[in-house]
PDB file of N, CA and C in Angstrom:
ATOM      1  N   MET A   1     -12.517  17.900   9.757  1.00  0.00           N
ATOM      2  CA  MET A   1     -12.359  17.746  11.183  1.00  0.00           C
ATOM      3  C   MET A   1     -10.960  17.221  11.465  1.00  0.00           C
ATOM      4  N   TRP A   2     -10.256  17.829  12.410  1.00  0.00           N
ATOM      5  CA  TRP A   2      -8.973  17.300  12.824  1.00  0.00           C
ATOM      6  C   TRP A   2      -8.916  17.243  14.342  1.00  0.00           C
ATOM      7  N   VAL A   3      -8.022  16.374  14.831  1.00  0.00           N
ATOM      8  CA  VAL A   3      -7.759  16.245  16.259  1.00  0.00           C
ATOM      9  C   VAL A   3      -6.262  16.395  16.471  1.00  0.00           C
ATOM     10  N   ASP A   4      -5.886  16.808  17.670  1.00  0.00           N
ATOM     11  CA  ASP A   4      -4.466  16.877  18.017  1.00  0.00           C
ATOM     12  C   ASP A   4      -3.962  15.474  18.314  1.00  0.00           C
ATOM     13  N   ARG A   5      -2.850  15.122  17.681  1.00  0.00           N
ATOM     14  CA  ARG A   5      -2.171  13.861  17.982  1.00  0.00           C
ATOM     15  C   ARG A   5      -0.685  14.153  18.057  1.00  0.00           C
ATOM     16  N   TRP A   6       0.064  13.229  18.624  1.00  0.00           N
ATOM     17  CA  TRP A   6       1.516  13.369  18.740  1.00  0.00           C
ATOM     18  C   TRP A   6       2.174  12.251  17.958  1.00  0.00           C
ATOM     19  N   LEU A   7       2.773  12.609  16.815  1.00  0.00           N
ATOM     20  CA  LEU A   7       3.502  11.647  15.999  1.00  0.00           C
ATOM     21  C   LEU A   7       4.990  11.844  16.229  1.00  0.00           C
ATOM     22  N   GLN A   8       5.717  10.730  16.128  1.00  0.00           N
ATOM     23  CA  GLN A   8       7.155  10.772  16.358  1.00  0.00           C
ATOM     24  C   GLN A   8       7.847  10.008  15.243  1.00  0.00           C
ATOM     25  N   ALA A   9       8.740  10.688  14.541  1.00  0.00           N
ATOM     26  CA  ALA A   9       9.525  10.062  13.477  1.00  0.00           C
ATOM     27  C   ALA A   9      10.846   9.592  14.064  1.00  0.00           C
ATOM     28  N   ASP A  10      11.117   8.296  13.929  1.00  0.00           N
ATOM     29  CA  ASP A  10      12.336   7.685  14.445  1.00  0.00           C
ATOM     30  C   ASP A  10      12.475   8.043  15.927  1.00  0.00           C
ATOM     31  N   ASN A  11      13.631   8.561  16.348  1.00  0.00           N
ATOM     32  CA  ASN A  11      13.838   8.921  17.762  1.00  0.00           C
ATOM     33  C   ASN A  11      13.789  10.423  17.981  1.00  0.00           C
ATOM     34  N   ASN A  12      13.211  11.158  17.050  1.00  0.00           N
ATOM     35  CA  ASN A  12      13.089  12.606  17.166  1.00  0.00           C
ATOM     36  C   ASN A  12      12.025  12.970  18.204  1.00  0.00           C
ATOM     37  N   GLN A  13      11.938  14.243  18.509  1.00  0.00           N
ATOM     38  CA  GLN A  13      10.921  14.722  19.443  1.00  0.00           C
ATOM     39  C   GLN A  13       9.524  14.483  18.861  1.00  0.00           C
ATOM     40  N   PRO A  14       8.532  14.146  19.687  1.00  0.00           N
ATOM     41  CA  PRO A  14       7.161  14.040  19.187  1.00  0.00           C
ATOM     42  C   PRO A  14       6.701  15.376  18.595  1.00  0.00           C
ATOM     43  N   MET A  15       5.913  15.283  17.549  1.00  0.00           N
ATOM     44  CA  MET A  15       5.429  16.469  16.840  1.00  0.00           C
ATOM     45  C   MET A  15       3.937  16.642  17.071  1.00  0.00           C
ATOM     46  N   ARG A  16       3.551  17.853  17.419  1.00  0.00           N
ATOM     47  CA  ARG A  16       2.122  18.168  17.540  1.00  0.00           C
ATOM     48  C   ARG A  16       1.537  18.117  16.130  1.00  0.00           C
ATOM     49  N   THR A  17       0.609  17.209  15.943  1.00  0.00           N
ATOM     50  CA  THR A  17       0.110  16.904  14.605  1.00  0.00           C
ATOM     51  C   THR A  17      -1.386  17.154  14.512  1.00  0.00           C
ATOM     52  N   ALA A  18      -1.778  17.828  13.435  1.00  0.00           N
ATOM     53  CA  ALA A  18      -3.199  17.977  13.110  1.00  0.00           C
ATOM     54  C   ALA A  18      -3.577  16.723  12.333  1.00  0.00           C
ATOM     55  N   TYR A  19      -4.283  15.829  12.987  1.00  0.00           N
ATOM     56  CA  TYR A  19      -4.668  14.555  12.385  1.00  0.00           C
ATOM     57  C   TYR A  19      -6.065  14.723  11.797  1.00  0.00           C
ATOM     58  N   ILE A  20      -6.124  14.761  10.473  1.00  0.00           N
ATOM     59  CA  ILE A  20      -7.395  14.997   9.799  1.00  0.00           C
ATOM     60  C   ILE A  20      -8.193  13.698   9.803  1.00  0.00           C
ATOM     61  N   GLU A  21      -9.259  13.703  10.557  1.00  0.00           N
ATOM     62  CA  GLU A  21     -10.075  12.509  10.749  1.00  0.00           C
ATOM     63  C   GLU A  21     -11.074  12.273   9.628  1.00  0.00           C
ATOM     64  N   MET A  22     -11.599  13.348   9.065  1.00  0.00           N
ATOM     65  CA  MET A  22     -12.707  13.143   8.146  1.00  0.00           C
ATOM     66  C   MET A  22     -12.800  14.278   7.137  1.00  0.00           C
ATOM     67  N   VAL A  23     -12.978  13.885   5.884  1.00  0.00           N
ATOM     68  CA  VAL A  23     -13.312  14.819   4.811  1.00  0.00           C
ATOM     69  C   VAL A  23     -14.431  14.149   4.043  1.00  0.00           C
ATOM     70  N   ALA A  24     -15.535  14.821   3.886  1.00  0.00           N
ATOM     71  CA  ALA A  24     -16.659  14.206   3.187  1.00  0.00           C
ATOM     72  C   ALA A  24     -17.378  15.244   2.341  1.00  0.00           C
ATOM     73  N   THR A  25     -17.805  14.814   1.183  1.00  0.00           N
ATOM     74  CA  THR A  25     -18.602  15.645   0.300  1.00  0.00           C
ATOM     75  C   THR A  25     -19.823  14.840  -0.109  1.00  0.00           C
ATOM     76  N   GLU A  26     -20.986  15.420   0.020  1.00  0.00           N
ATOM     77  CA  GLU A  26     -22.205  14.741  -0.401  1.00  0.00           C
ATOM     78  C   GLU A  26     -22.096  14.379  -1.883  1.00  0.00           C
ATOM     79  N   LYS A  27     -22.585  13.212  -2.246  1.00  0.00           N
ATOM     80  CA  LYS A  27     -22.427  12.692  -3.602  1.00  0.00           C
ATOM     81  C   LYS A  27     -22.848  13.692  -4.682  1.00  0.00           C
ATOM     82  N   ILE A  28     -23.935  14.391  -4.471  1.00  0.00           N
ATOM     83  CA  ILE A  28     -24.437  15.339  -5.468  1.00  0.00           C
ATOM     84  C   ILE A  28     -23.487  16.529  -5.669  1.00  0.00           C
ATOM     85  N   SER A  29     -22.622  16.790  -4.677  1.00  0.00           N
ATOM     86  CA  SER A  29     -21.722  17.945  -4.743  1.00  0.00           C
ATOM     87  C   SER A  29     -20.285  17.584  -5.119  1.00  0.00           C
ATOM     88  N   ARG A  30     -20.029  16.325  -5.418  1.00  0.00           N
ATOM     89  CA  ARG A  30     -18.662  15.902  -5.738  1.00  0.00           C
ATOM     90  C   ARG A  30     -18.221  16.391  -7.117  1.00  0.00           C
ATOM     91  N   ARG A  31     -16.909  16.429  -7.280  1.00  0.00           N
ATOM     92  CA  ARG A  31     -16.250  16.816  -8.536  1.00  0.00           C
ATOM     93  C   ARG A  31     -16.462  18.296  -8.878  1.00  0.00           C
ATOM     94  N   ARG A  32     -16.625  19.106  -7.832  1.00  0.00           N
ATOM     95  CA  ARG A  32     -16.776  20.547  -8.029  1.00  0.00           C
ATOM     96  C   ARG A  32     -15.651  21.329  -7.345  1.00  0.00           C
ATOM     97  N   GLY A  33     -14.690  20.617  -6.757  1.00  0.00           N
ATOM     98  CA  GLY A  33     -13.566  21.277  -6.100  1.00  0.00           C
ATOM     99  C   GLY A  33     -13.821  21.681  -4.663  1.00  0.00           C
ATOM    100  N   LEU A  34     -14.944  21.258  -4.090  1.00  0.00           N
ATOM    101  CA  LEU A  34     -15.274  21.659  -2.720  1.00  0.00           C
ATOM    102  C   LEU A  34     -14.310  21.057  -1.704  1.00  0.00           C
ATOM    103  N   ALA A  35     -14.032  19.763  -1.813  1.00  0.00           N
ATOM    104  CA  ALA A  35     -13.111  19.120  -0.867  1.00  0.00           C
ATOM    105  C   ALA A  35     -11.715  19.715  -0.999  1.00  0.00           C
ATOM    106  N   THR A  36     -11.293  20.002  -2.216  1.00  0.00           N
ATOM    107  CA  THR A  36      -9.984  20.619  -2.430  1.00  0.00           C
ATOM    108  C   THR A  36      -9.933  21.994  -1.775  1.00  0.00           C
ATOM    109  N   ALA A  37     -10.972  22.780  -1.939  1.00  0.00           N
ATOM    110  CA  ALA A  37     -11.021  24.105  -1.314  1.00  0.00           C
ATOM    111  C   ALA A  37     -10.967  23.986   0.207  1.00  0.00           C
ATOM    112  N   ILE A  38     -11.691  23.011   0.744  1.00  0.00           N
ATOM    113  CA  ILE A  38     -11.692  22.810   2.192  1.00  0.00           C
ATOM    114  C   ILE A  38     -10.309  22.388   2.672  1.00  0.00           C
ATOM    115  N   MET A  39      -9.659  21.465   1.972  1.00  0.00           N
ATOM    116  CA  MET A  39      -8.338  21.000   2.392  1.00  0.00           C
ATOM    117  C   MET A  39      -7.304  22.113   2.302  1.00  0.00           C
ATOM    118  N   LYS A  40      -7.416  22.986   1.327  1.00  0.00           N
ATOM    119  CA  LYS A  40      -6.503  24.131   1.252  1.00  0.00           C
ATOM    120  C   LYS A  40      -6.753  25.078   2.427  1.00  0.00           C
ATOM    121  N   ARG A  41      -7.998  25.266   2.792  1.00  0.00           N
ATOM    122  CA  ARG A  41      -8.326  26.111   3.943  1.00  0.00           C
ATOM    123  C   ARG A  41      -7.828  25.470   5.237  1.00  0.00           C
ATOM    124  N   VAL A  42      -7.996  24.156   5.367  1.00  0.00           N
ATOM    125  CA  VAL A  42      -7.484  23.452   6.542  1.00  0.00           C
ATOM    126  C   VAL A  42      -5.981  23.665   6.651  1.00  0.00           C
ATOM    127  N   ALA A  43      -5.257  23.527   5.539  1.00  0.00           N
ATOM    128  CA  ALA A  43      -3.805  23.734   5.557  1.00  0.00           C
ATOM    129  C   ALA A  43      -3.461  25.140   6.049  1.00  0.00           C
ATOM    130  N   ASP A  44      -4.243  26.115   5.683  1.00  0.00           N
ATOM    131  CA  ASP A  44      -4.027  27.487   6.162  1.00  0.00           C
ATOM    132  C   ASP A  44      -4.276  27.601   7.671  1.00  0.00           C
ATOM    133  N   GLU A  45      -5.267  26.880   8.166  1.00  0.00           N
ATOM    134  CA  GLU A  45      -5.677  26.978   9.571  1.00  0.00           C
ATOM    135  C   GLU A  45      -4.736  26.251  10.532  1.00  0.00           C
ATOM    136  N   ILE A  46      -3.946  25.309  10.053  1.00  0.00           N
ATOM    137  CA  ILE A  46      -3.123  24.476  10.943  1.00  0.00           C
ATOM    138  C   ILE A  46      -1.639  24.824  10.875  1.00  0.00           C
ATOM    139  N   GLN A  47      -1.323  26.015  10.448  1.00  0.00           N
ATOM    140  CA  GLN A  47       0.076  26.414  10.284  1.00  0.00           C
ATOM    141  C   GLN A  47       0.882  26.416  11.584  1.00  0.00           C
ATOM    142  N   ASP A  48       0.228  26.460  12.738  1.00  0.00           N
ATOM    143  CA  ASP A  48       0.965  26.457  14.002  1.00  0.00           C
ATOM    144  C   ASP A  48       1.250  25.051  14.521  1.00  0.00           C
ATOM    145  N   PHE A  49       0.844  24.021  13.792  1.00  0.00           N
ATOM    146  CA  PHE A  49       1.170  22.639  14.145  1.00  0.00           C
ATOM    147  C   PHE A  49       2.553  22.299  13.587  1.00  0.00           C
ATOM    148  N   ASP A  50       3.135  21.218  14.087  1.00  0.00           N
ATOM    149  CA  ASP A  50       4.417  20.734  13.568  1.00  0.00           C
ATOM    150  C   ASP A  50       4.244  19.919  12.293  1.00  0.00           C
ATOM    151  N   LEU A  51       3.084  19.308  12.128  1.00  0.00           N
ATOM    152  CA  LEU A  51       2.858  18.367  11.034  1.00  0.00           C
ATOM    153  C   LEU A  51       1.360  18.173  10.866  1.00  0.00           C
ATOM    154  N   ALA A  52       0.962  17.689   9.700  1.00  0.00           N
ATOM    155  CA  ALA A  52      -0.435  17.293   9.475  1.00  0.00           C
ATOM    156  C   ALA A  52      -0.432  15.924   8.821  1.00  0.00           C
ATOM    157  N   THR A  53      -1.437  15.154   9.130  1.00  0.00           N
ATOM    158  CA  THR A  53      -1.599  13.848   8.500  1.00  0.00           C
ATOM    159  C   THR A  53      -3.088  13.551   8.387  1.00  0.00           C
ATOM    160  N   PRO A  54      -3.505  12.991   7.246  1.00  0.00           N
ATOM    161  CA  PRO A  54      -4.914  12.632   7.104  1.00  0.00           C
ATOM    162  C   PRO A  54      -5.117  11.131   7.268  1.00  0.00           C
ATOM    163  N   SER A  55      -6.339  10.755   7.350  1.00  0.00           N
ATOM    164  CA  SER A  55      -6.724   9.364   7.163  1.00  0.00           C
ATOM    165  C   SER A  55      -7.179   9.309   5.702  1.00  0.00           C
ATOM    166  N   PRO A  56      -6.257   9.034   4.761  1.00  0.00           N
ATOM    167  CA  PRO A  56      -6.538   9.295   3.344  1.00  0.00           C
ATOM    168  C   PRO A  56      -7.538   8.332   2.712  1.00  0.00           C
ATOM    169  N   PHE A  57      -8.459   8.893   1.967  1.00  0.00           N
ATOM    170  CA  PHE A  57      -9.367   8.069   1.175  1.00  0.00           C
ATOM    171  C   PHE A  57      -8.757   7.786  -0.190  1.00  0.00           C
ATOM    172  N   SER A  58      -7.788   8.613  -0.603  1.00  0.00           N
ATOM    173  CA  SER A  58      -7.126   8.453  -1.895  1.00  0.00           C
ATOM    174  C   SER A  58      -5.739   9.083  -1.830  1.00  0.00           C
ATOM    175  N   VAL A  59      -4.710   8.263  -2.013  1.00  0.00           N
ATOM    176  CA  VAL A  59      -3.349   8.775  -2.012  1.00  0.00           C
ATOM    177  C   VAL A  59      -3.167   9.781  -3.148  1.00  0.00           C
ATOM    178  N   ALA A  60      -3.662   9.450  -4.321  1.00  0.00           N
ATOM    179  CA  ALA A  60      -3.497  10.334  -5.487  1.00  0.00           C
ATOM    180  C   ALA A  60      -4.127  11.707  -5.231  1.00  0.00           C
ATOM    181  N   TYR A  61      -5.281  11.738  -4.593  1.00  0.00           N
ATOM    182  CA  TYR A  61      -5.947  13.006  -4.291  1.00  0.00           C
ATOM    183  C   TYR A  61      -5.047  13.881  -3.419  1.00  0.00           C
ATOM    184  N   TYR A  62      -4.546  13.318  -2.320  1.00  0.00           N
ATOM    185  CA  TYR A  62      -3.728  14.101  -1.403  1.00  0.00           C
ATOM    186  C   TYR A  62      -2.383  14.468  -2.011  1.00  0.00           C
ATOM    187  N   GLU A  63      -1.817  13.606  -2.841  1.00  0.00           N
ATOM    188  CA  GLU A  63      -0.550  13.943  -3.501  1.00  0.00           C
ATOM    189  C   GLU A  63      -0.700  15.196  -4.358  1.00  0.00           C
ATOM    190  N   ARG A  64      -1.838  15.377  -4.983  1.00  0.00           N
ATOM    191  CA  ARG A  64      -2.084  16.592  -5.776  1.00  0.00           C
ATOM    192  C   ARG A  64      -2.056  17.852  -4.921  1.00  0.00           C
ATOM    193  N   LEU A  65      -2.281  17.684  -3.622  1.00  0.00           N
ATOM    194  CA  LEU A  65      -2.303  18.819  -2.696  1.00  0.00           C
ATOM    195  C   LEU A  65      -1.008  18.912  -1.879  1.00  0.00           C
ATOM    196  N   ASP A  66       0.068  18.267  -2.366  1.00  0.00           N
ATOM    197  CA  ASP A  66       1.411  18.319  -1.767  1.00  0.00           C
ATOM    198  C   ASP A  66       1.590  17.478  -0.512  1.00  0.00           C
ATOM    199  N   TRP A  67       0.706  16.533  -0.263  1.00  0.00           N
ATOM    200  CA  TRP A  67       0.907  15.592   0.841  1.00  0.00           C
ATOM    201  C   TRP A  67       1.815  14.476   0.333  1.00  0.00           C
ATOM    202  N   GLN A  68       2.589  13.879   1.245  1.00  0.00           N
ATOM    203  CA  GLN A  68       3.511  12.808   0.887  1.00  0.00           C
ATOM    204  C   GLN A  68       3.130  11.517   1.595  1.00  0.00           C
ATOM    205  N   LEU A  69       3.245  10.415   0.877  1.00  0.00           N
ATOM    206  CA  LEU A  69       3.006   9.096   1.461  1.00  0.00           C
ATOM    207  C   LEU A  69       4.203   8.717   2.323  1.00  0.00           C
ATOM    208  N   TRP A  70       3.941   8.270   3.550  1.00  0.00           N
ATOM    209  CA  TRP A  70       4.995   7.819   4.454  1.00  0.00           C
ATOM    210  C   TRP A  70       5.350   6.386   4.088  1.00  0.00           C
ATOM    211  N   HIS A  71       6.642   6.111   3.874  1.00  0.00           N
ATOM    212  CA  HIS A  71       7.084   4.783   3.432  1.00  0.00           C
ATOM    213  C   HIS A  71       7.667   3.921   4.554  1.00  0.00           C
ATOM    214  N   GLY A  72       8.041   4.535   5.669  1.00  0.00           N
ATOM    215  CA  GLY A  72       8.665   3.791   6.759  1.00  0.00           C
ATOM    216  C   GLY A  72       7.666   2.949   7.540  1.00  0.00           C
ATOM    217  N   PRO A  73       8.188   2.083   8.412  1.00  0.00           N
ATOM    218  CA  PRO A  73       7.309   1.242   9.236  1.00  0.00           C
ATOM    219  C   PRO A  73       6.526   2.085  10.237  1.00  0.00           C
ATOM    220  N   LEU A  74       5.361   1.582  10.608  1.00  0.00           N
ATOM    221  CA  LEU A  74       4.456   2.317  11.502  1.00  0.00           C
ATOM    222  C   LEU A  74       4.321   1.594  12.840  1.00  0.00           C
ATOM    223  N   PHE A  75       4.220   2.397  13.904  1.00  0.00           N
ATOM    224  CA  PHE A  75       4.121   1.861  15.250  1.00  0.00           C
ATOM    225  C   PHE A  75       3.133   2.693  16.058  1.00  0.00           C
ATOM    226  N   ILE A  76       2.675   2.084  17.158  1.00  0.00           N
ATOM    227  CA  ILE A  76       1.861   2.791  18.143  1.00  0.00           C
ATOM    228  C   ILE A  76       2.627   2.761  19.462  1.00  0.00           C
ATOM    229  N   ARG A  77       2.714   3.919  20.117  1.00  0.00           N
ATOM    230  CA  ARG A  77       3.393   4.014  21.403  1.00  0.00           C
ATOM    231  C   ARG A  77       2.399   3.713  22.528  1.00  0.00           C
ATOM    232  N   THR A  78       2.791   2.815  23.401  1.00  0.00           N
ATOM    233  CA  THR A  78       1.963   2.473  24.564  1.00  0.00           C
ATOM    234  C   THR A  78       2.796   2.677  25.819  1.00  0.00           C
ATOM    235  N   ASP A  79       2.170   2.541  26.974  1.00  0.00           N
ATOM    236  CA  ASP A  79       2.901   2.659  28.237  1.00  0.00           C
ATOM    237  C   ASP A  79       3.972   1.583  28.372  1.00  0.00           C
ATOM    238  N   SER A  80       3.788   0.456  27.691  1.00  0.00           N
ATOM    239  CA  SER A  80       4.764  -0.633  27.801  1.00  0.00           C
ATOM    240  C   SER A  80       5.704  -0.718  26.597  1.00  0.00           C
ATOM    241  N   GLY A  81       5.712   0.292  25.745  1.00  0.00           N
ATOM    242  CA  GLY A  81       6.629   0.301  24.605  1.00  0.00           C
ATOM    243  C   GLY A  81       5.890   0.519  23.295  1.00  0.00           C
ATOM    244  N   VAL A  82       6.606   0.319  22.196  1.00  0.00           N
ATOM    245  CA  VAL A  82       5.997   0.497  20.875  1.00  0.00           C
ATOM    246  C   VAL A  82       5.587  -0.845  20.303  1.00  0.00           C
ATOM    247  N   ILE A  83       4.456  -0.835  19.591  1.00  0.00           N
ATOM    248  CA  ILE A  83       3.999  -2.051  18.928  1.00  0.00           C
ATOM    249  C   ILE A  83       3.851  -1.759  17.435  1.00  0.00           C
ATOM    250  N   PRO A  84       4.322  -2.683  16.581  1.00  0.00           N
ATOM    251  CA  PRO A  84       4.162  -2.465  15.145  1.00  0.00           C
ATOM    252  C   PRO A  84       2.696  -2.557  14.754  1.00  0.00           C
ATOM    253  N   THR A  85       2.317  -1.817  13.737  1.00  0.00           N
ATOM    254  CA  THR A  85       0.948  -1.861  13.248  1.00  0.00           C
ATOM    255  C   THR A  85       0.948  -2.380  11.816  1.00  0.00           C
ATOM    256  N   PRO A  86      -0.171  -2.935  11.384  1.00  0.00           N
ATOM    257  CA  PRO A  86      -0.258  -3.355   9.984  1.00  0.00           C
ATOM    258  C   PRO A  86      -0.020  -2.164   9.071  1.00  0.00           C
ATOM    259  N   ARG A  87       0.443  -2.448   7.897  1.00  0.00           N
ATOM    260  CA  ARG A  87       0.725  -1.384   6.932  1.00  0.00           C
ATOM    261  C   ARG A  87      -0.554  -0.620   6.621  1.00  0.00           C
ATOM    262  N   GLU A  88      -0.503   0.666   6.786  1.00  0.00           N
ATOM    263  CA  GLU A  88      -1.615   1.554   6.469  1.00  0.00           C
ATOM    264  C   GLU A  88      -1.083   2.643   5.567  1.00  0.00           C
ATOM    265  N   GLU A  89      -1.953   3.341   4.912  1.00  0.00           N
ATOM    266  CA  GLU A  89      -1.539   4.496   4.140  1.00  0.00           C
ATOM    267  C   GLU A  89      -1.568   5.703   5.054  1.00  0.00           C
ATOM    268  N   VAL A  90      -0.389   6.191   5.386  1.00  0.00           N
ATOM    269  CA  VAL A  90      -0.251   7.379   6.210  1.00  0.00           C
ATOM    270  C   VAL A  90       0.458   8.419   5.353  1.00  0.00           C
ATOM    271  N   MET A  91      -0.097   9.605   5.328  1.00  0.00           N
ATOM    272  CA  MET A  91       0.476  10.691   4.545  1.00  0.00           C
ATOM    273  C   MET A  91       0.776  11.851   5.471  1.00  0.00           C
ATOM    274  N   ILE A  92       1.702  12.704   5.042  1.00  0.00           N
ATOM    275  CA  ILE A  92       2.035  13.881   5.840  1.00  0.00           C
ATOM    276  C   ILE A  92       1.985  15.126   4.966  1.00  0.00           C
ATOM    277  N   LEU A  93       1.710  16.229   5.618  1.00  0.00           N
ATOM    278  CA  LEU A  93       1.839  17.538   4.993  1.00  0.00           C
ATOM    279  C   LEU A  93       2.859  18.303   5.821  1.00  0.00           C
ATOM    280  N   ARG A  94       3.941  18.695   5.173  1.00  0.00           N
ATOM    281  CA  ARG A  94       4.970  19.483   5.857  1.00  0.00           C
ATOM    282  C   ARG A  94       4.461  20.908   6.021  1.00  0.00           C
ATOM    283  N   LEU A  95       4.617  21.424   7.226  1.00  0.00           N
ATOM    284  CA  LEU A  95       4.183  22.767   7.582  1.00  0.00           C
ATOM    285  C   LEU A  95       5.419  23.596   7.938  1.00  0.00           C
ATOM    286  N   PRO A  96       5.284  24.898   8.139  1.00  0.00           N
ATOM    287  CA  PRO A  96       6.460  25.716   8.450  1.00  0.00           C
ATOM    288  C   PRO A  96       7.275  25.220   9.646  1.00  0.00           C
ATOM    289  N   ARG A  97       6.630  24.584  10.615  1.00  0.00           N
ATOM    290  CA  ARG A  97       7.325  24.103  11.816  1.00  0.00           C
ATOM    291  C   ARG A  97       7.784  22.651  11.708  1.00  0.00           C
ATOM    292  N   THR A  98       7.554  22.003  10.578  1.00  0.00           N
ATOM    293  CA  THR A  98       7.938  20.598  10.422  1.00  0.00           C
ATOM    294  C   THR A  98       9.460  20.469  10.395  1.00  0.00           C
ATOM    295  N   PRO A  99      10.017  19.602  11.253  1.00  0.00           N
ATOM    296  CA  PRO A  99      11.460  19.385  11.194  1.00  0.00           C
ATOM    297  C   PRO A  99      11.824  18.613   9.925  1.00  0.00           C
ATOM    298  N   ASN A 100      13.103  18.470   9.685  1.00  0.00           N
ATOM    299  CA  ASN A 100      13.570  17.696   8.544  1.00  0.00           C
ATOM    300  C   ASN A 100      13.225  16.221   8.789  1.00  0.00           C
ATOM    301  N   LEU A 101      12.351  15.659   7.971  1.00  0.00           N
ATOM    302  CA  LEU A 101      11.889  14.281   8.151  1.00  0.00           C
ATOM    303  C   LEU A 101      12.294  13.416   6.972  1.00  0.00           C
ATOM    304  N   ASN A 102      12.629  12.172   7.269  1.00  0.00           N
ATOM    305  CA  ASN A 102      12.899  11.167   6.245  1.00  0.00           C
ATOM    306  C   ASN A 102      11.678  10.254   6.194  1.00  0.00           C
ATOM    307  N   ILE A 103      10.958  10.236   5.080  1.00  0.00           N
ATOM    308  CA  ILE A 103       9.708   9.471   4.990  1.00  0.00           C
ATOM    309  C   ILE A 103       9.926   7.959   4.987  1.00  0.00           C
ATOM    310  N   ASN A 104      11.173   7.521   5.086  1.00  0.00           N
ATOM    311  CA  ASN A 104      11.477   6.094   5.199  1.00  0.00           C
ATOM    312  C   ASN A 104      11.774   5.673   6.635  1.00  0.00           C
ATOM    313  N   ASP A 105      11.836   6.642   7.555  1.00  0.00           N
ATOM    314  CA  ASP A 105      12.077   6.348   8.968  1.00  0.00           C
ATOM    315  C   ASP A 105      10.830   5.728   9.604  1.00  0.00           C
ATOM    316  N   PRO A 106      10.991   5.081  10.751  1.00  0.00           N
ATOM    317  CA  PRO A 106       9.816   4.629  11.497  1.00  0.00           C
ATOM    318  C   PRO A 106       8.983   5.828  11.951  1.00  0.00           C
ATOM    319  N   LEU A 107       7.683   5.639  12.014  1.00  0.00           N
ATOM    320  CA  LEU A 107       6.761   6.680  12.469  1.00  0.00           C
ATOM    321  C   LEU A 107       5.820   6.057  13.487  1.00  0.00           C
ATOM    322  N   SER A 108       5.638   6.755  14.607  1.00  0.00           N
ATOM    323  CA  SER A 108       4.739   6.231  15.637  1.00  0.00           C
ATOM    324  C   SER A 108       3.746   7.296  16.067  1.00  0.00           C
ATOM    325  N   ALA A 109       2.622   6.820  16.545  1.00  0.00           N
ATOM    326  CA  ALA A 109       1.572   7.663  17.104  1.00  0.00           C
ATOM    327  C   ALA A 109       1.247   7.137  18.491  1.00  0.00           C
ATOM    328  N   GLU A 110       0.685   8.016  19.337  1.00  0.00           N
ATOM    329  CA  GLU A 110       0.303   7.566  20.667  1.00  0.00           C
ATOM    330  C   GLU A 110      -0.914   6.638  20.562  1.00  0.00           C
ATOM    331  N   TRP A 111      -1.043   5.778  21.555  1.00  0.00           N
ATOM    332  CA  TRP A 111      -2.179   4.856  21.630  1.00  0.00           C
ATOM    333  C   TRP A 111      -3.478   5.636  21.774  1.00  0.00           C
ATOM    334  N   ARG A 112      -4.521   5.137  21.131  1.00  0.00           N
ATOM    335  CA  ARG A 112      -5.865   5.663  21.363  1.00  0.00           C
ATOM    336  C   ARG A 112      -6.857   4.534  21.123  1.00  0.00           C
ATOM    337  N   GLU A 113      -7.976   4.626  21.781  1.00  0.00           N
ATOM    338  CA  GLU A 113      -9.035   3.626  21.602  1.00  0.00           C
ATOM    339  C   GLU A 113      -9.590   3.687  20.188  1.00  0.00           C
ATOM    340  N   GLY A 114     -10.084   2.567  19.697  1.00  0.00           N
ATOM    341  CA  GLY A 114     -10.682   2.529  18.363  1.00  0.00           C
ATOM    342  C   GLY A 114      -9.615   2.380  17.297  1.00  0.00           C
ATOM    343  N   GLU A 115      -9.667   3.209  16.299  1.00  0.00           N
ATOM    344  CA  GLU A 115      -8.680   3.150  15.239  1.00  0.00           C
ATOM    345  C   GLU A 115      -7.338   3.654  15.748  1.00  0.00           C
ATOM    346  N   LEU A 116      -6.289   2.863  15.534  1.00  0.00           N
ATOM    347  CA  LEU A 116      -4.971   3.286  15.990  1.00  0.00           C
ATOM    348  C   LEU A 116      -4.439   4.417  15.134  1.00  0.00           C
ATOM    349  N   TRP A 117      -4.580   4.300  13.826  1.00  0.00           N
ATOM    350  CA  TRP A 117      -4.127   5.362  12.927  1.00  0.00           C
ATOM    351  C   TRP A 117      -5.313   6.089  12.444  1.00  0.00           C
TER     352      TRP A 117
END
């Protein structure tokens, strides 16, 4: 499952981002490559986005699928400005429309109720 979000690296234009909210495999079906197959299919389906980012359950898992860990500081954009957020594991998948990004730059997402990232 993914939702549209707008992420912004440093002072660049906001990027239409496929924010992957959830990947789950029933315990009895794990370690059979099902989640990997689904994530590869998701990557195929979101090619018209500027960027993709998951809520990662495992950095190592996503790194095997060419996702990169974001190293820069994280922020949330609000109507009254940006607020820093606690360090979270945020990863990105570069897509054909992804601009040249430095993974050490600040990264912000728009405000939303509940989980910020």
